[in-house]
Amino acid sequence: MQEYTIRAINTGLVTASKRNYLYHNTTHKYYLKPDEDDVAILPTACFLVEGNGKKIMVDTGMSSTEIADKYHHPGSVQKEGMDLPSQLRKLGIEPSEITDIIFTHLHWDHVYYLPEFTNAKLYVQRKEYEFAKNPIALYYKSYEDPRLEIEPRIHPQWEGREFELLDGECEIFDGISVYPTPGHSVGHQNVVVHTKEGDYHCCGDLMFTLDNLKPVPEIGYEVTPPSRYVDIVDEWNSLVEVKKRVASDKFVLCAHAPEMLELCDSGKVLGE
């Protein structure tokens, strides 16, 4: 099986509530102190995968500070040079050299700067694409739907682009596959990348902390669900499925988990 390397790239910092994002309300007392500061500063990671003559991105990260702060999470920051195109150029890679982009899902903070990736083939689950094209009003902001009554108008970064639409679990390339993990979004998927160290699972927003894979035996939970989801049953079942598939949480790569900050800052290349 083809082996790849993976580099985690942090494209910005998003502010969120620990209680409203990281931990389901039924688990707060097991993880949070009553007087604890509720603000979480979370990375927004995407992943550069190289091997087999390809340069592949798993997601493309978040927007500028102005858009993130104004339309999405107040206090969020993308410092100068943190956007994905700039970071790739620091590595000697032009966005036009990216051959493929596999999206975990199509929320705003996973798809930005897509117009710069002119030669990339795009992959996403069909369910995610169809919902993103016509979301319910509750999710207009998440997908930057043009029906938002804001000025200046914002549009999905992927508007006008063609996708390879995936239906469930499949292999995209030798050593790279996807499997559905709905819950955070209707068509969320995990991306599995084979390296010489083992199989890494890029989990997007299915989890916001590795704690989400931990059991809570006091209340009979085999996982600790987060508080941000579109369907709690799907969310729960997807977390359980990930636990079955991964060798250990070492092989879990999440977009927003605080644990990702150290990996992103280190510049370490997994599977090198």
Protein backbone atom coordinates (compact mmCIF):
# COMPACT_ATOMS: atom_id res chain seq x y z
CA MET A 1 0.00 0.00 0.00
CA GLN A 2 1.20 3.49 -0.87
CA GLU A 3 2.61 5.47 2.07
CA TYR A 4 2.19 9.22 2.53
CA THR A 5 3.40 11.97 4.83
CA ILE A 6 1.12 14.43 6.63
CA ARG A 7 1.80 17.99 7.77
CA ALA A 8 -0.73 19.75 10.02
CA ILE A 9 -1.19 23.44 9.16
CA ASN A 10 -3.02 25.82 11.49
CA THR A 11 -4.84 28.48 9.47
CA GLY A 12 -6.15 30.56 12.37
CA LEU A 13 -7.65 30.66 15.85
CA VAL A 14 -11.38 30.46 16.51
CA THR A 15 -13.00 31.44 19.78
CA ALA A 16 -15.65 29.10 21.10
CA SER A 17 -17.42 28.08 24.29
CA LYS A 18 -16.17 24.97 26.07
CA ARG A 19 -19.71 24.26 27.22
CA ASN A 20 -21.34 24.86 23.84
CA TYR A 21 -18.72 23.14 21.69
CA LEU A 22 -16.31 20.81 23.47
CA TYR A 23 -18.54 18.89 25.87
CA HIS A 24 -22.18 17.83 25.86
CA ASN A 25 -24.11 19.41 28.73
CA THR A 26 -24.64 16.03 30.41
CA THR A 27 -20.85 15.65 30.80
CA HIS A 28 -19.90 19.14 32.00
CA LYS A 29 -19.43 18.17 35.62
CA TYR A 30 -16.89 15.51 34.64
CA TYR A 31 -14.70 17.90 32.65
CA LEU A 32 -15.42 21.50 33.71
CA LYS A 33 -15.33 23.33 37.02
CA PRO A 34 -18.36 25.55 37.76
CA ASP A 35 -16.24 28.71 37.93
CA GLU A 36 -13.96 27.78 35.03
CA ASP A 37 -13.37 30.25 32.19
CA ASP A 38 -15.68 29.12 29.39
CA VAL A 39 -13.65 30.50 26.48
CA ALA A 40 -11.73 28.05 24.31
CA ILE A 41 -9.20 29.25 21.73
CA LEU A 42 -9.18 26.57 19.07
CA PRO A 43 -6.89 26.02 16.08
CA THR A 44 -8.31 25.58 12.58
CA ALA A 45 -6.10 22.90 11.11
CA CYS A 46 -5.98 21.37 7.67
CA PHE A 47 -3.56 18.75 6.41
CA LEU A 48 -1.05 18.58 3.59
CA VAL A 49 -0.68 15.00 2.38
CA GLU A 50 2.22 14.14 0.06
CA GLY A 51 3.14 10.94 -1.73
CA ASN A 52 2.55 8.91 -4.86
CA GLY A 53 3.38 11.96 -6.97
CA LYS A 54 0.53 13.96 -5.42
CA LYS A 55 0.10 16.98 -3.20
CA ILE A 56 -3.26 16.64 -1.47
CA MET A 57 -5.05 18.87 1.01
CA VAL A 58 -7.57 17.65 3.54
CA ASP A 59 -9.64 20.87 3.84
CA THR A 60 -8.25 24.36 3.16
CA GLY A 61 -8.89 26.13 6.45
CA MET A 62 -10.55 29.33 7.60
CA SER A 63 -11.05 32.88 6.33
CA SER A 64 -9.46 36.21 7.14
CA THR A 65 -9.90 37.76 10.59
CA GLU A 66 -12.38 40.27 9.20
CA ILE A 67 -14.79 37.63 7.89
CA ALA A 68 -14.32 35.19 10.76
CA ASP A 69 -14.84 37.85 13.42
CA LYS A 70 -17.73 39.64 11.71
CA TYR A 71 -19.80 36.75 10.41
CA HIS A 72 -18.83 33.68 12.42
CA HIS A 73 -17.00 33.64 15.77
CA PRO A 74 -16.30 37.08 17.31
CA GLY A 75 -12.70 37.27 18.46
CA SER A 76 -11.40 34.81 15.89
CA VAL A 77 -8.05 35.64 14.31
CA GLN A 78 -6.11 34.73 11.20
CA LYS A 79 -2.79 36.48 11.64
CA GLU A 80 -0.86 37.69 8.62
CA GLY A 81 0.64 34.74 6.78
CA MET A 82 -1.60 32.13 8.43
CA ASP A 83 -3.88 31.69 5.42
CA LEU A 84 -3.26 28.36 3.69
CA PRO A 85 -1.90 29.75 0.38
CA SER A 86 0.73 31.79 2.27
CA GLN A 87 1.75 28.85 4.40
CA LEU A 88 2.08 26.55 1.40
CA ARG A 89 4.29 29.12 -0.33
CA LYS A 90 6.55 29.16 2.73
CA LEU A 91 6.97 25.43 2.13
CA GLY A 92 7.83 26.08 -1.52
CA ILE A 93 4.44 24.93 -2.82
CA GLU A 94 2.17 27.05 -4.99
CA PRO A 95 -1.60 26.51 -4.49
CA SER A 96 -1.80 25.58 -8.16
CA GLU A 97 0.44 22.58 -7.41
CA ILE A 98 -2.16 20.98 -5.13
CA THR A 99 -3.56 18.08 -7.14
CA ASP A 100 -6.53 17.15 -4.98
CA ILE A 101 -8.58 18.48 -2.06
CA ILE A 102 -10.63 16.10 0.07
CA PHE A 103 -13.15 17.93 2.25
CA THR A 104 -14.32 16.55 5.56
CA HIS A 105 -17.31 18.88 5.11
CA LEU A 106 -18.10 22.24 3.54
CA HIS A 107 -18.44 24.63 6.49
CA TRP A 108 -16.81 28.04 6.00
CA ASP A 109 -13.71 27.29 8.12
CA HIS A 110 -12.74 24.27 5.99
CA VAL A 111 -13.05 25.67 2.47
CA TYR A 112 -11.44 29.10 2.36
CA TYR A 113 -9.16 30.42 -0.41
CA LEU A 114 -10.40 27.66 -2.70
CA PRO A 115 -10.31 29.95 -5.78
CA GLU A 116 -6.49 29.90 -5.53
CA PHE A 117 -6.40 26.11 -5.93
CA THR A 118 -7.09 26.22 -9.62
CA ASN A 119 -5.86 22.75 -10.61
CA ALA A 120 -7.16 20.66 -7.72
CA LYS A 121 -9.80 17.99 -8.09
CA LEU A 122 -12.36 18.29 -5.28
CA TYR A 123 -13.96 15.46 -3.29
CA VAL A 124 -16.84 15.52 -0.82
CA GLN A 125 -19.73 13.31 0.24
CA ARG A 126 -22.80 13.73 -1.95
CA LYS A 127 -25.03 14.25 1.13
CA GLU A 128 -22.83 17.11 2.31
CA TYR A 129 -22.75 18.80 -1.08
CA GLU A 130 -26.50 18.59 -1.59
CA PHE A 131 -27.21 20.04 1.86
CA ALA A 132 -24.58 22.76 1.44
CA LYS A 133 -26.21 23.83 -1.82
CA ASN A 134 -29.54 24.34 -0.06
CA PRO A 135 -29.15 24.38 3.73
CA ILE A 136 -31.87 25.22 6.17
CA ALA A 137 -31.69 28.84 7.38
CA LEU A 138 -30.10 27.76 10.66
CA TYR A 139 -26.98 26.80 8.67
CA TYR A 140 -26.78 29.73 6.26
CA LYS A 141 -23.77 31.15 8.11
CA SER A 142 -21.98 27.82 8.36
CA TYR A 143 -22.02 27.48 4.57
CA GLU A 144 -21.89 31.22 3.80
CA ASP A 145 -25.10 30.87 1.86
CA PRO A 146 -25.66 33.88 -0.46
CA ARG A 147 -29.20 34.24 0.93
CA LEU A 148 -27.75 35.76 4.10
CA GLU A 149 -29.07 39.29 4.44
CA ILE A 150 -25.71 40.86 5.10
CA GLU A 151 -23.53 43.32 3.22
CA PRO A 152 -21.19 42.90 1.54
CA ARG A 153 -22.63 39.65 0.24
CA ILE A 154 -20.57 36.55 0.88
CA HIS A 155 -20.72 33.38 -1.18
CA PRO A 156 -19.46 29.85 -0.68
CA GLN A 157 -15.80 29.56 -1.66
CA TRP A 158 -16.65 26.51 -3.73
CA GLU A 159 -19.38 28.19 -5.75
CA GLY A 160 -19.01 27.29 -9.44
CA ARG A 161 -16.56 24.42 -8.81
CA GLU A 162 -17.20 20.81 -9.74
CA PHE A 163 -16.86 18.03 -7.18
CA GLU A 164 -16.30 14.31 -7.31
CA LEU A 165 -19.32 13.31 -5.22
CA LEU A 166 -18.78 10.31 -2.97
CA ASP A 167 -21.44 7.93 -1.74
CA GLY A 168 -20.27 6.40 1.51
CA GLU A 169 -17.02 4.63 2.26
CA CYS A 170 -14.55 4.35 -0.59
CA GLU A 171 -10.88 4.43 -1.56
CA ILE A 172 -9.90 7.60 -3.41
CA PHE A 173 -6.26 6.66 -4.03
CA ASP A 174 -4.12 3.73 -3.03
CA GLY A 175 -3.53 4.41 0.66
CA ILE A 176 -6.17 7.14 1.03
CA SER A 177 -9.81 6.42 1.78
CA VAL A 178 -12.86 8.05 3.34
CA TYR A 179 -15.76 6.86 5.45
CA PRO A 180 -18.93 8.67 6.54
CA THR A 181 -18.98 10.24 10.01
CA PRO A 182 -22.19 12.30 10.05
CA GLY A 183 -23.21 14.21 13.15
CA HIS A 184 -21.45 17.55 13.06
CA SER A 185 -22.83 17.99 9.56
CA VAL A 186 -25.17 15.81 7.53
CA GLY A 187 -22.47 14.55 5.18
CA HIS A 188 -19.30 14.75 7.26
CA GLN A 189 -16.57 12.25 6.40
CA ASN A 190 -13.24 11.17 7.86
CA VAL A 191 -10.19 10.86 5.65
CA VAL A 192 -7.80 7.96 6.32
CA VAL A 193 -4.19 8.38 5.24
CA HIS A 194 -1.76 5.45 5.30
CA THR A 195 1.76 6.25 6.50
CA LYS A 196 4.69 4.12 7.56
CA GLU A 197 3.63 4.80 11.16
CA GLY A 198 0.07 3.59 10.61
CA ASP A 199 -3.28 4.95 9.44
CA TYR A 200 -4.10 8.51 10.48
CA HIS A 201 -7.75 9.57 10.58
CA CYS A 202 -8.41 13.21 9.68
CA CYS A 203 -11.63 13.79 11.61
CA GLY A 204 -12.55 17.37 10.73
CA ASP A 205 -15.13 18.66 13.22
CA LEU A 206 -16.49 15.34 14.39
CA MET A 207 -14.54 16.07 17.58
CA PHE A 208 -13.38 19.29 19.21
CA THR A 209 -11.06 17.58 21.69
CA LEU A 210 -9.64 14.09 22.06
CA ASP A 211 -11.70 13.91 25.25
CA ASN A 212 -14.67 13.25 22.96
CA LEU A 213 -13.39 9.68 22.50
CA LYS A 214 -13.23 9.04 26.25
CA PRO A 215 -15.90 7.07 28.10
CA VAL A 216 -17.83 8.50 31.03
CA PRO A 217 -18.45 5.32 33.05
CA GLU A 218 -20.33 7.16 35.80
CA ILE A 219 -23.24 7.66 33.40
CA GLY A 220 -22.68 4.71 31.09
CA TYR A 221 -21.28 6.72 28.15
CA GLU A 222 -18.76 4.97 25.91
CA VAL A 223 -17.83 8.35 24.39
CA THR A 224 -18.03 12.00 25.45
CA PRO A 225 -20.03 13.77 22.74
CA PRO A 226 -19.42 17.44 21.98
CA SER A 227 -22.20 20.03 22.13
CA ARG A 228 -22.07 21.18 18.50
CA TYR A 229 -23.85 18.81 16.14
CA VAL A 230 -26.67 18.61 13.63
CA ASP A 231 -27.76 15.14 14.80
CA ILE A 232 -26.76 13.71 18.18
CA VAL A 233 -27.54 10.11 17.22
CA ASP A 234 -25.30 10.30 14.17
CA GLU A 235 -22.68 12.13 16.22
CA TRP A 236 -22.64 9.43 18.89
CA ASN A 237 -22.50 6.55 16.42
CA SER A 238 -19.73 8.21 14.41
CA LEU A 239 -17.59 8.69 17.52
CA VAL A 240 -18.09 5.04 18.42
CA GLU A 241 -17.11 4.05 14.88
CA VAL A 242 -13.90 6.06 15.06
CA LYS A 243 -12.98 4.37 18.34
CA LYS A 244 -13.36 0.99 16.62
CA ARG A 245 -11.17 1.97 13.69
CA VAL A 246 -8.22 3.87 15.15
CA ALA A 247 -5.24 2.12 16.69
CA SER A 248 -5.06 4.87 19.35
CA ASP A 249 -5.88 8.54 19.71
CA LYS A 250 -2.34 9.24 18.47
CA PHE A 251 -3.75 8.60 15.02
CA VAL A 252 -6.69 11.03 15.37
CA LEU A 253 -6.21 14.41 13.68
CA CYS A 254 -8.94 16.95 14.40
CA ALA A 255 -9.34 20.39 12.90
CA HIS A 256 -10.13 22.27 16.11
CA ALA A 257 -8.83 20.15 18.98
CA PRO A 258 -6.62 22.18 21.36
CA GLU A 259 -4.26 19.20 21.30
CA MET A 260 -3.50 20.04 17.63
CA LEU A 261 -1.79 23.34 18.46
CA GLU A 262 1.47 21.70 19.51
CA LEU A 263 1.60 19.52 16.39
CA CYS A 264 0.93 22.48 14.10
CA ASP A 265 3.48 24.70 15.83
CA SER A 266 6.17 22.00 15.80
CA GLY A 267 6.18 21.64 12.01
CA LYS A 268 6.53 17.89 12.50
CA VAL A 269 5.82 15.78 9.42
CA LEU A 270 3.98 12.59 10.29
CA GLY A 271 5.16 9.45 8.52
CA GLU A 272 8.43 11.02 7.40
